[in-house]
């Protein structure tokens, strides 16, 4: 086995990436404190070709050296916007036809592996603050609460790890048909 060289990965250039079909998912960062986490979410969003990232509240915004350190240029490829209030971002997404889902540990949540997103729909995934999670104000506005099963002693995954897990799950189910009946 041999590792592939960069020119063998067949990655699109920036112009091609901007024109390609995107996974119908918007990531909403609800008061994420760490600029490194923000940058890493951008890089993960680029990897799964999501539509957009919406930064809310205290979430840092590009351009910023600490964001770029982990984004590695993904702030230029991934569309993004800033909204002061997460509730306003949710209202705009709902009006645009998105189904709103929070990734959170909550009473009545659905385990991620049990949620089958309809590939004909658009989704907004809300990821919360590193300490407090998704805000109560945002939780009051969601259609679904999704939870990643955990089996260790810690209470939660890092927000970037959570983003990677949920985006892979949505990509696999919406684009590859994993989890569909009979698949």
N, C-alpha and C. Protein backbone atom coordinates (compact mmCIF):
# COMPACT_ATOMS: atom_id res chain seq x y z
N UNK A 1 0.85 -1.18 0.00
CA UNK A 1 0.00 0.00 0.00
C UNK A 1 0.89 1.23 0.00
N UNK A 2 0.47 2.24 -0.76
CA UNK A 2 1.23 3.48 -0.89
C UNK A 2 0.30 4.66 -0.67
N UNK A 3 0.77 5.62 0.11
CA UNK A 3 -0.02 6.83 0.31
C UNK A 3 -0.07 7.63 -0.99
N UNK A 4 -1.21 8.24 -1.23
CA UNK A 4 -1.37 9.06 -2.43
C UNK A 4 -0.66 10.39 -2.26
N UNK A 5 -0.12 10.90 -3.35
CA UNK A 5 0.48 12.23 -3.36
C UNK A 5 -0.62 13.26 -3.55
N UNK A 6 -0.37 14.49 -3.17
CA UNK A 6 -1.39 15.53 -3.25
C UNK A 6 -1.99 15.64 -4.64
N UNK A 7 -1.18 15.55 -5.69
CA UNK A 7 -1.71 15.69 -7.04
C UNK A 7 -2.53 14.47 -7.49
N UNK A 8 -2.50 13.40 -6.72
CA UNK A 8 -3.29 12.21 -7.02
C UNK A 8 -4.66 12.23 -6.34
N UNK A 9 -4.91 13.20 -5.46
CA UNK A 9 -6.16 13.25 -4.71
C UNK A 9 -7.32 13.80 -5.52
N UNK A 10 -7.02 14.42 -6.64
CA UNK A 10 -8.06 14.96 -7.53
C UNK A 10 -9.02 15.91 -6.83
N UNK A 11 -8.49 16.79 -6.00
CA UNK A 11 -9.32 17.78 -5.32
C UNK A 11 -9.65 18.91 -6.30
N UNK A 12 -10.86 19.46 -6.19
CA UNK A 12 -11.21 20.57 -7.09
C UNK A 12 -10.46 21.84 -6.70
N UNK A 13 -10.25 22.70 -7.68
CA UNK A 13 -9.71 24.02 -7.34
C UNK A 13 -10.84 24.86 -6.75
N UNK A 14 -10.51 26.04 -6.25
CA UNK A 14 -11.49 26.86 -5.54
C UNK A 14 -12.69 27.22 -6.42
N UNK A 15 -12.46 27.58 -7.66
CA UNK A 15 -13.56 27.95 -8.55
C UNK A 15 -14.48 26.76 -8.81
N UNK A 16 -13.91 25.60 -9.03
CA UNK A 16 -14.70 24.38 -9.26
C UNK A 16 -15.48 24.01 -8.01
N UNK A 17 -14.82 24.10 -6.85
CA UNK A 17 -15.48 23.78 -5.58
C UNK A 17 -16.71 24.67 -5.38
N UNK A 18 -16.56 25.94 -5.64
CA UNK A 18 -17.69 26.86 -5.44
C UNK A 18 -18.88 26.53 -6.33
N UNK A 19 -18.64 25.92 -7.48
CA UNK A 19 -19.71 25.60 -8.42
C UNK A 19 -20.30 24.20 -8.21
N UNK A 20 -19.59 23.33 -7.50
CA UNK A 20 -20.07 21.96 -7.36
C UNK A 20 -21.29 21.88 -6.46
N UNK A 21 -22.06 20.81 -6.64
CA UNK A 21 -23.24 20.58 -5.81
C UNK A 21 -22.80 20.39 -4.36
N UNK A 22 -23.52 21.00 -3.46
CA UNK A 22 -23.19 20.93 -2.04
C UNK A 22 -24.16 19.99 -1.32
N UNK A 23 -23.67 19.43 -0.21
CA UNK A 23 -24.54 18.68 0.68
C UNK A 23 -25.54 19.69 1.23
N UNK A 24 -26.85 19.39 1.19
CA UNK A 24 -27.85 20.38 1.59
C UNK A 24 -27.92 20.56 3.11
N UNK A 25 -26.80 21.00 3.67
CA UNK A 25 -26.65 21.17 5.11
C UNK A 25 -25.97 22.50 5.39
N UNK A 26 -26.50 23.22 6.37
CA UNK A 26 -25.88 24.43 6.89
C UNK A 26 -25.49 24.14 8.33
N UNK A 27 -24.28 24.47 8.70
CA UNK A 27 -23.82 24.34 10.08
C UNK A 27 -24.03 25.68 10.77
N UNK A 28 -24.67 25.67 11.93
CA UNK A 28 -24.88 26.87 12.74
C UNK A 28 -24.06 26.71 14.01
N UNK A 29 -23.09 27.59 14.20
CA UNK A 29 -22.29 27.57 15.42
C UNK A 29 -22.88 28.55 16.42
N UNK A 30 -23.42 28.02 17.50
CA UNK A 30 -24.13 28.77 18.52
C UNK A 30 -23.17 29.11 19.66
N UNK A 31 -22.54 30.29 19.57
CA UNK A 31 -21.65 30.79 20.63
C UNK A 31 -20.47 29.87 20.92
N UNK A 32 -19.78 29.43 19.85
CA UNK A 32 -18.58 28.61 20.00
C UNK A 32 -17.42 29.53 20.34
N UNK A 33 -16.75 29.26 21.45
CA UNK A 33 -15.73 30.17 21.97
C UNK A 33 -14.37 30.04 21.30
N UNK A 34 -13.92 28.82 21.07
CA UNK A 34 -12.56 28.59 20.61
C UNK A 34 -12.40 28.90 19.13
N UNK A 35 -11.46 29.79 18.82
CA UNK A 35 -11.20 30.13 17.42
C UNK A 35 -10.61 28.94 16.68
N UNK A 36 -9.86 28.09 17.38
CA UNK A 36 -9.35 26.87 16.73
C UNK A 36 -10.51 25.94 16.36
N UNK A 37 -11.51 25.84 17.23
CA UNK A 37 -12.68 25.03 16.90
C UNK A 37 -13.42 25.60 15.70
N UNK A 38 -13.56 26.91 15.64
CA UNK A 38 -14.23 27.55 14.50
C UNK A 38 -13.48 27.21 13.21
N UNK A 39 -12.17 27.37 13.22
CA UNK A 39 -11.39 27.05 12.03
C UNK A 39 -11.49 25.59 11.63
N UNK A 40 -11.48 24.70 12.61
CA UNK A 40 -11.60 23.28 12.32
C UNK A 40 -12.97 22.91 11.77
N UNK A 41 -14.01 23.59 12.23
CA UNK A 41 -15.35 23.35 11.67
C UNK A 41 -15.38 23.80 10.21
N UNK A 42 -14.74 24.92 9.88
CA UNK A 42 -14.65 25.34 8.48
C UNK A 42 -13.96 24.27 7.64
N UNK A 43 -12.87 23.74 8.14
CA UNK A 43 -12.13 22.71 7.38
C UNK A 43 -12.98 21.46 7.20
N UNK A 44 -13.72 21.07 8.23
CA UNK A 44 -14.61 19.91 8.15
C UNK A 44 -15.76 20.19 7.19
N UNK A 45 -16.31 21.40 7.23
CA UNK A 45 -17.39 21.79 6.32
C UNK A 45 -16.91 21.74 4.88
N UNK A 46 -15.69 22.15 4.62
CA UNK A 46 -15.12 22.06 3.28
C UNK A 46 -15.01 20.59 2.86
N UNK A 47 -14.53 19.75 3.75
CA UNK A 47 -14.33 18.34 3.44
C UNK A 47 -15.62 17.63 3.03
N UNK A 48 -16.74 18.04 3.61
CA UNK A 48 -18.03 17.44 3.27
C UNK A 48 -18.84 18.30 2.31
N UNK A 49 -18.27 19.41 1.85
CA UNK A 49 -18.90 20.31 0.88
C UNK A 49 -20.30 20.74 1.33
N UNK A 50 -20.38 21.27 2.54
CA UNK A 50 -21.67 21.77 3.02
C UNK A 50 -21.97 23.12 2.38
N UNK A 51 -23.24 23.50 2.43
CA UNK A 51 -23.66 24.76 1.80
C UNK A 51 -23.05 25.99 2.45
N UNK A 52 -23.05 26.01 3.79
CA UNK A 52 -22.66 27.24 4.46
C UNK A 52 -22.43 26.98 5.94
N UNK A 53 -21.69 27.89 6.57
CA UNK A 53 -21.54 27.93 8.02
C UNK A 53 -22.08 29.28 8.48
N UNK A 54 -22.93 29.25 9.51
CA UNK A 54 -23.43 30.49 10.10
C UNK A 54 -22.84 30.61 11.49
N UNK A 55 -22.15 31.71 11.73
CA UNK A 55 -21.49 31.98 13.00
C UNK A 55 -22.39 32.90 13.82
N UNK A 56 -22.69 32.51 15.05
CA UNK A 56 -23.65 33.27 15.86
C UNK A 56 -23.05 33.68 17.19
N UNK A 57 -23.53 34.83 17.69
CA UNK A 57 -23.17 35.29 19.02
C UNK A 57 -21.69 35.58 19.16
N UNK A 58 -21.06 34.95 20.16
CA UNK A 58 -19.64 35.21 20.44
C UNK A 58 -18.70 34.43 19.52
N UNK A 59 -19.24 33.63 18.63
CA UNK A 59 -18.40 32.83 17.72
C UNK A 59 -17.53 33.77 16.90
N UNK A 60 -16.21 33.50 16.89
CA UNK A 60 -15.27 34.32 16.14
C UNK A 60 -15.51 34.23 14.65
N UNK A 61 -15.06 35.29 13.96
CA UNK A 61 -15.28 35.37 12.52
C UNK A 61 -13.95 35.56 11.78
N UNK A 62 -13.86 35.01 10.58
CA UNK A 62 -12.70 35.29 9.74
C UNK A 62 -12.74 36.76 9.31
N UNK A 63 -11.66 37.36 8.95
CA UNK A 63 -10.32 36.77 9.02
C UNK A 63 -9.75 36.88 10.43
N UNK A 64 -9.14 35.83 10.89
CA UNK A 64 -8.47 35.82 12.19
C UNK A 64 -7.38 34.75 12.13
N UNK A 65 -6.21 35.11 12.61
CA UNK A 65 -5.05 34.22 12.53
C UNK A 65 -5.32 32.87 13.19
N UNK A 66 -5.98 32.87 14.35
CA UNK A 66 -6.24 31.61 15.06
C UNK A 66 -7.27 30.74 14.34
N UNK A 67 -8.20 31.34 13.64
CA UNK A 67 -9.15 30.57 12.83
C UNK A 67 -8.42 29.96 11.64
N UNK A 68 -7.63 30.77 10.97
CA UNK A 68 -6.91 30.30 9.77
C UNK A 68 -5.90 29.20 10.07
N UNK A 69 -5.37 29.21 11.30
CA UNK A 69 -4.39 28.20 11.69
C UNK A 69 -4.95 26.78 11.51
N UNK A 70 -6.23 26.60 11.81
CA UNK A 70 -6.83 25.27 11.67
C UNK A 70 -7.71 25.15 10.43
N UNK A 71 -8.21 26.26 9.91
CA UNK A 71 -9.06 26.21 8.72
C UNK A 71 -8.25 25.89 7.47
N UNK A 72 -6.98 26.25 7.46
CA UNK A 72 -6.10 26.00 6.32
C UNK A 72 -6.70 26.47 5.00
N UNK A 73 -7.32 27.66 5.01
CA UNK A 73 -7.87 28.23 3.78
C UNK A 73 -9.33 27.93 3.54
N UNK A 74 -9.95 27.11 4.38
CA UNK A 74 -11.36 26.73 4.16
C UNK A 74 -12.31 27.91 4.35
N UNK A 75 -11.88 28.98 4.99
CA UNK A 75 -12.75 30.15 5.11
C UNK A 75 -12.94 30.83 3.76
N UNK A 76 -12.08 30.53 2.81
CA UNK A 76 -12.22 31.06 1.46
C UNK A 76 -13.11 30.17 0.59
N UNK A 77 -13.18 28.89 0.91
CA UNK A 77 -13.98 27.97 0.08
C UNK A 77 -15.41 27.81 0.59
N UNK A 78 -15.60 27.83 1.89
CA UNK A 78 -16.93 27.60 2.47
C UNK A 78 -17.64 28.94 2.64
N UNK A 79 -18.85 29.03 2.12
CA UNK A 79 -19.66 30.23 2.32
C UNK A 79 -19.97 30.35 3.81
N UNK A 80 -19.99 31.59 4.30
CA UNK A 80 -20.32 31.79 5.69
C UNK A 80 -20.95 33.17 5.88
N UNK A 81 -21.63 33.29 7.01
CA UNK A 81 -22.20 34.58 7.40
C UNK A 81 -22.23 34.67 8.91
N UNK A 82 -22.40 35.87 9.42
CA UNK A 82 -22.51 36.09 10.85
C UNK A 82 -23.91 36.57 11.19
N UNK A 83 -24.47 36.03 12.26
CA UNK A 83 -25.75 36.49 12.81
C UNK A 83 -25.54 36.72 14.30
N UNK A 84 -25.93 37.87 14.78
CA UNK A 84 -25.79 38.18 16.21
C UNK A 84 -26.54 37.17 17.08
N UNK A 85 -27.76 36.86 16.68
CA UNK A 85 -28.62 35.98 17.48
C UNK A 85 -28.90 34.68 16.73
N UNK A 86 -28.67 33.57 17.41
CA UNK A 86 -28.92 32.26 16.81
C UNK A 86 -30.38 32.12 16.41
N UNK A 87 -31.28 32.66 17.19
CA UNK A 87 -32.72 32.58 16.88
C UNK A 87 -33.02 33.24 15.54
N UNK A 88 -32.35 34.34 15.23
CA UNK A 88 -32.56 35.00 13.93
C UNK A 88 -32.05 34.13 12.79
N UNK A 89 -30.91 33.47 13.01
CA UNK A 89 -30.38 32.55 11.99
C UNK A 89 -31.35 31.40 11.75
N UNK A 90 -31.89 30.85 12.83
CA UNK A 90 -32.84 29.75 12.72
C UNK A 90 -34.10 30.21 11.98
N UNK A 91 -34.60 31.39 12.31
CA UNK A 91 -35.81 31.91 11.65
C UNK A 91 -35.58 32.05 10.15
N UNK A 92 -34.43 32.57 9.75
CA UNK A 92 -34.12 32.71 8.34
C UNK A 92 -33.99 31.38 7.63
N UNK A 93 -33.36 30.42 8.29
CA UNK A 93 -33.21 29.08 7.71
C UNK A 93 -34.57 28.39 7.57
N UNK A 94 -35.40 28.51 8.60
CA UNK A 94 -36.73 27.91 8.53
C UNK A 94 -37.53 28.52 7.38
N UNK A 95 -37.46 29.83 7.23
CA UNK A 95 -38.17 30.51 6.15
C UNK A 95 -37.66 30.04 4.78
N UNK A 96 -36.38 29.67 4.72
CA UNK A 96 -35.79 29.18 3.47
C UNK A 96 -36.03 27.68 3.27
N UNK A 97 -36.81 27.06 4.16
CA UNK A 97 -37.19 25.66 3.96
C UNK A 97 -36.30 24.62 4.61
N UNK A 98 -35.44 25.03 5.52
CA UNK A 98 -34.55 24.08 6.20
C UNK A 98 -35.25 23.42 7.37
N UNK A 99 -34.95 22.16 7.60
CA UNK A 99 -35.34 21.44 8.80
C UNK A 99 -34.24 21.72 9.82
N UNK A 100 -34.61 22.10 11.03
CA UNK A 100 -33.65 22.54 12.03
C UNK A 100 -33.39 21.41 13.03
N UNK A 101 -32.12 21.03 13.19
CA UNK A 101 -31.75 19.98 14.13
C UNK A 101 -30.59 20.47 15.00
N UNK A 102 -30.71 20.23 16.28
CA UNK A 102 -29.61 20.52 17.21
C UNK A 102 -28.88 19.22 17.50
N UNK A 103 -27.59 19.33 17.69
CA UNK A 103 -26.81 18.18 18.14
C UNK A 103 -26.56 18.40 19.63
N UNK A 104 -27.29 17.65 20.44
CA UNK A 104 -27.29 17.91 21.88
C UNK A 104 -27.76 16.69 22.64
N UNK A 105 -27.36 16.59 23.89
CA UNK A 105 -27.86 15.56 24.79
C UNK A 105 -29.08 16.14 25.50
N UNK A 106 -30.25 15.61 25.21
CA UNK A 106 -31.47 16.17 25.75
C UNK A 106 -32.52 15.08 25.93
N UNK A 107 -33.45 15.33 26.82
CA UNK A 107 -34.58 14.41 26.98
C UNK A 107 -35.33 14.33 25.66
N UNK A 108 -35.58 13.12 25.19
CA UNK A 108 -36.31 12.94 23.95
C UNK A 108 -35.46 13.05 22.69
N UNK A 109 -34.14 13.14 22.83
CA UNK A 109 -33.30 13.21 21.63
C UNK A 109 -33.33 11.89 20.87
N UNK A 110 -32.97 11.95 19.60
CA UNK A 110 -32.87 10.76 18.75
C UNK A 110 -31.40 10.44 18.56
N UNK A 111 -31.03 9.21 18.80
CA UNK A 111 -29.64 8.82 18.57
C UNK A 111 -29.34 8.97 17.08
N UNK A 112 -28.17 9.50 16.78
CA UNK A 112 -27.81 9.84 15.41
C UNK A 112 -27.99 8.67 14.45
N UNK A 113 -27.60 7.49 14.86
CA UNK A 113 -27.71 6.33 13.96
C UNK A 113 -29.17 5.98 13.66
N UNK A 114 -30.11 6.44 14.48
CA UNK A 114 -31.52 6.16 14.26
C UNK A 114 -32.25 7.22 13.45
N UNK A 115 -31.55 8.29 13.11
CA UNK A 115 -32.17 9.38 12.36
C UNK A 115 -31.81 9.24 10.88
N UNK A 116 -32.81 9.15 10.03
CA UNK A 116 -32.58 9.03 8.59
C UNK A 116 -33.04 10.34 7.93
N UNK A 117 -32.09 11.20 7.55
CA UNK A 117 -32.49 12.45 6.90
C UNK A 117 -33.02 12.20 5.50
N UNK A 118 -34.09 12.87 5.17
CA UNK A 118 -34.67 12.78 3.84
C UNK A 118 -33.73 13.49 2.87
N UNK A 119 -33.17 12.80 1.88
CA UNK A 119 -32.21 13.43 0.95
C UNK A 119 -32.83 14.51 0.07
N UNK A 120 -34.15 14.63 0.08
CA UNK A 120 -34.81 15.69 -0.70
C UNK A 120 -34.97 16.97 0.10
N UNK A 121 -34.60 16.93 1.39
CA UNK A 121 -34.75 18.10 2.26
C UNK A 121 -33.41 18.76 2.53
N UNK A 122 -33.49 19.99 3.06
CA UNK A 122 -32.31 20.74 3.48
C UNK A 122 -32.31 20.79 5.00
N UNK A 123 -31.14 20.71 5.59
CA UNK A 123 -31.01 20.66 7.03
C UNK A 123 -30.07 21.74 7.55
N UNK A 124 -30.41 22.28 8.70
CA UNK A 124 -29.51 23.15 9.46
C UNK A 124 -29.16 22.39 10.73
N UNK A 125 -27.87 22.24 10.99
CA UNK A 125 -27.39 21.52 12.16
C UNK A 125 -26.76 22.52 13.12
N UNK A 126 -27.33 22.63 14.32
CA UNK A 126 -26.84 23.58 15.31
C UNK A 126 -25.87 22.87 16.24
N UNK A 127 -24.67 23.42 16.34
CA UNK A 127 -23.64 22.93 17.25
C UNK A 127 -23.40 24.01 18.30
N UNK A 128 -23.31 23.61 19.57
CA UNK A 128 -23.29 24.59 20.64
C UNK A 128 -21.94 24.88 21.25
N UNK A 129 -22.00 25.74 22.22
CA UNK A 129 -20.88 26.20 23.02
C UNK A 129 -20.17 25.03 23.69
N UNK A 130 -18.85 25.15 23.82
CA UNK A 130 -18.03 24.07 24.37
C UNK A 130 -18.38 23.70 25.80
N UNK A 131 -18.94 24.62 26.57
CA UNK A 131 -19.29 24.34 27.96
C UNK A 131 -20.79 24.13 28.13
N UNK A 132 -21.59 25.01 27.56
CA UNK A 132 -23.03 25.01 27.80
C UNK A 132 -23.84 24.31 26.71
N UNK A 133 -23.23 23.91 25.62
CA UNK A 133 -23.96 23.26 24.54
C UNK A 133 -24.82 24.23 23.76
N UNK A 134 -25.83 23.71 23.11
CA UNK A 134 -26.77 24.54 22.34
C UNK A 134 -27.62 25.33 23.33
N UNK A 135 -27.78 26.61 23.06
CA UNK A 135 -28.51 27.49 23.98
C UNK A 135 -29.97 27.05 24.13
N UNK A 136 -30.54 27.36 25.28
CA UNK A 136 -31.95 27.05 25.53
C UNK A 136 -32.84 27.76 24.51
N UNK A 137 -32.46 29.00 24.14
CA UNK A 137 -33.24 29.76 23.15
C UNK A 137 -33.29 29.02 21.81
N UNK A 138 -32.16 28.46 21.40
CA UNK A 138 -32.12 27.71 20.14
C UNK A 138 -32.87 26.39 20.27
N UNK A 139 -32.72 25.71 21.42
CA UNK A 139 -33.39 24.43 21.62
C UNK A 139 -34.90 24.56 21.52
N UNK A 140 -35.42 25.72 21.88
CA UNK A 140 -36.88 25.93 21.83
C UNK A 140 -37.39 26.04 20.39
N UNK A 141 -36.47 26.15 19.41
CA UNK A 141 -36.87 26.41 18.03
C UNK A 141 -36.60 25.25 17.07
N UNK A 142 -36.11 24.13 17.58
CA UNK A 142 -35.65 23.05 16.69
C UNK A 142 -36.78 22.10 16.32
N UNK A 143 -36.56 21.38 15.22
CA UNK A 143 -37.47 20.32 14.78
C UNK A 143 -37.03 18.96 15.31
N UNK A 144 -35.72 18.77 15.44
CA UNK A 144 -35.14 17.50 15.89
C UNK A 144 -33.96 17.77 16.80
N UNK A 145 -33.78 16.89 17.76
CA UNK A 145 -32.57 16.90 18.58
C UNK A 145 -31.86 15.57 18.36
N UNK A 146 -30.65 15.65 17.87
CA UNK A 146 -29.86 14.46 17.57
C UNK A 146 -28.76 14.32 18.60
N UNK A 147 -28.46 13.09 18.97
CA UNK A 147 -27.44 12.82 19.98
C UNK A 147 -26.49 11.75 19.46
N UNK A 148 -25.21 11.97 19.67
CA UNK A 148 -24.20 10.98 19.32
C UNK A 148 -24.02 10.05 20.51
N UNK A 149 -24.20 8.75 20.33
CA UNK A 149 -24.00 7.83 21.45
C UNK A 149 -22.55 7.91 21.95
N UNK A 150 -22.40 7.81 23.26
CA UNK A 150 -21.07 7.83 23.87
C UNK A 150 -20.97 6.71 24.90
N UNK A 151 -19.79 6.18 25.06
CA UNK A 151 -19.62 4.98 25.89
C UNK A 151 -18.53 5.12 26.93
N UNK A 152 -17.92 6.29 27.03
CA UNK A 152 -16.85 6.51 28.00
C UNK A 152 -17.29 7.35 29.18
N UNK A 153 -16.32 7.90 29.89
CA UNK A 153 -16.58 8.64 31.11
C UNK A 153 -16.84 10.12 30.89
N UNK A 154 -16.48 10.66 29.75
CA UNK A 154 -16.64 12.10 29.49
C UNK A 154 -18.08 12.40 29.11
N UNK A 155 -18.49 13.63 29.34
CA UNK A 155 -19.88 14.03 29.12
C UNK A 155 -20.20 14.37 27.67
N UNK A 156 -19.17 14.69 26.88
CA UNK A 156 -19.45 15.10 25.51
C UNK A 156 -18.19 14.99 24.66
N UNK A 157 -18.40 15.03 23.34
CA UNK A 157 -17.29 15.14 22.40
C UNK A 157 -16.97 16.60 22.18
N UNK A 158 -15.76 16.89 21.73
CA UNK A 158 -15.40 18.23 21.29
C UNK A 158 -16.31 18.61 20.13
N UNK A 159 -16.62 19.90 20.00
CA UNK A 159 -17.55 20.37 18.97
C UNK A 159 -17.07 20.00 17.56
N UNK A 160 -15.77 20.01 17.34
CA UNK A 160 -15.25 19.66 16.01
C UNK A 160 -15.41 18.17 15.73
N UNK A 161 -15.15 17.35 16.73
CA UNK A 161 -15.37 15.91 16.57
C UNK A 161 -16.84 15.65 16.29
N UNK A 162 -17.71 16.32 17.03
CA UNK A 162 -19.15 16.18 16.81
C UNK A 162 -19.53 16.58 15.39
N UNK A 163 -18.97 17.69 14.91
CA UNK A 163 -19.25 18.14 13.54
C UNK A 163 -18.83 17.07 12.53
N UNK A 164 -17.66 16.49 12.71
CA UNK A 164 -17.20 15.46 11.79
C UNK A 164 -18.07 14.23 11.80
N UNK A 165 -18.48 13.81 12.99
CA UNK A 165 -19.33 12.63 13.09
C UNK A 165 -20.68 12.87 12.43
N UNK A 166 -21.33 13.98 12.76
CA UNK A 166 -22.67 14.23 12.23
C UNK A 166 -22.64 14.50 10.73
N UNK A 167 -21.61 15.19 10.24
CA UNK A 167 -21.54 15.45 8.80
C UNK A 167 -21.27 14.16 8.02
N UNK A 168 -20.39 13.30 8.54
CA UNK A 168 -20.19 12.02 7.87
C UNK A 168 -21.49 11.23 7.85
N UNK A 169 -22.20 11.21 8.97
CA UNK A 169 -23.46 10.47 9.05
C UNK A 169 -24.46 11.01 8.02
N UNK A 170 -24.61 12.32 7.95
CA UNK A 170 -25.55 12.91 6.98
C UNK A 170 -25.08 12.64 5.55
N UNK A 171 -23.79 12.77 5.28
CA UNK A 171 -23.28 12.50 3.93
C UNK A 171 -23.54 11.04 3.55
N UNK A 172 -23.22 10.13 4.45
CA UNK A 172 -23.39 8.70 4.16
C UNK A 172 -24.86 8.36 3.90
N UNK A 173 -25.75 8.95 4.68
CA UNK A 173 -27.18 8.65 4.53
C UNK A 173 -27.81 9.38 3.35
N UNK A 174 -27.41 10.62 3.10
CA UNK A 174 -28.05 11.41 2.05
C UNK A 174 -27.44 11.18 0.67
N UNK A 175 -26.15 10.92 0.62
CA UNK A 175 -25.48 10.76 -0.68
C UNK A 175 -25.16 9.31 -1.03
N UNK A 176 -24.87 8.50 -0.03
CA UNK A 176 -24.46 7.12 -0.28
C UNK A 176 -25.57 6.11 0.01
N UNK A 177 -26.66 6.55 0.62
CA UNK A 177 -27.79 5.68 0.88
C UNK A 177 -27.64 4.80 2.10
N UNK A 178 -26.60 5.01 2.93
CA UNK A 178 -26.47 4.22 4.16
C UNK A 178 -27.62 4.54 5.07
N UNK A 179 -28.16 3.53 5.71
CA UNK A 179 -29.25 3.76 6.65
C UNK A 179 -30.62 3.74 6.02
N UNK A 180 -30.67 3.81 4.68
CA UNK A 180 -31.98 3.75 4.01
C UNK A 180 -32.53 2.34 4.13
N UNK A 181 -33.84 2.21 4.09
CA UNK A 181 -34.42 0.89 4.17
C UNK A 181 -33.88 0.01 3.06
N UNK A 182 -33.43 -1.17 3.43
CA UNK A 182 -32.92 -2.11 2.46
C UNK A 182 -31.46 -1.89 2.10
N UNK A 183 -30.85 -0.81 2.61
CA UNK A 183 -29.43 -0.54 2.28
C UNK A 183 -28.51 -1.23 3.24
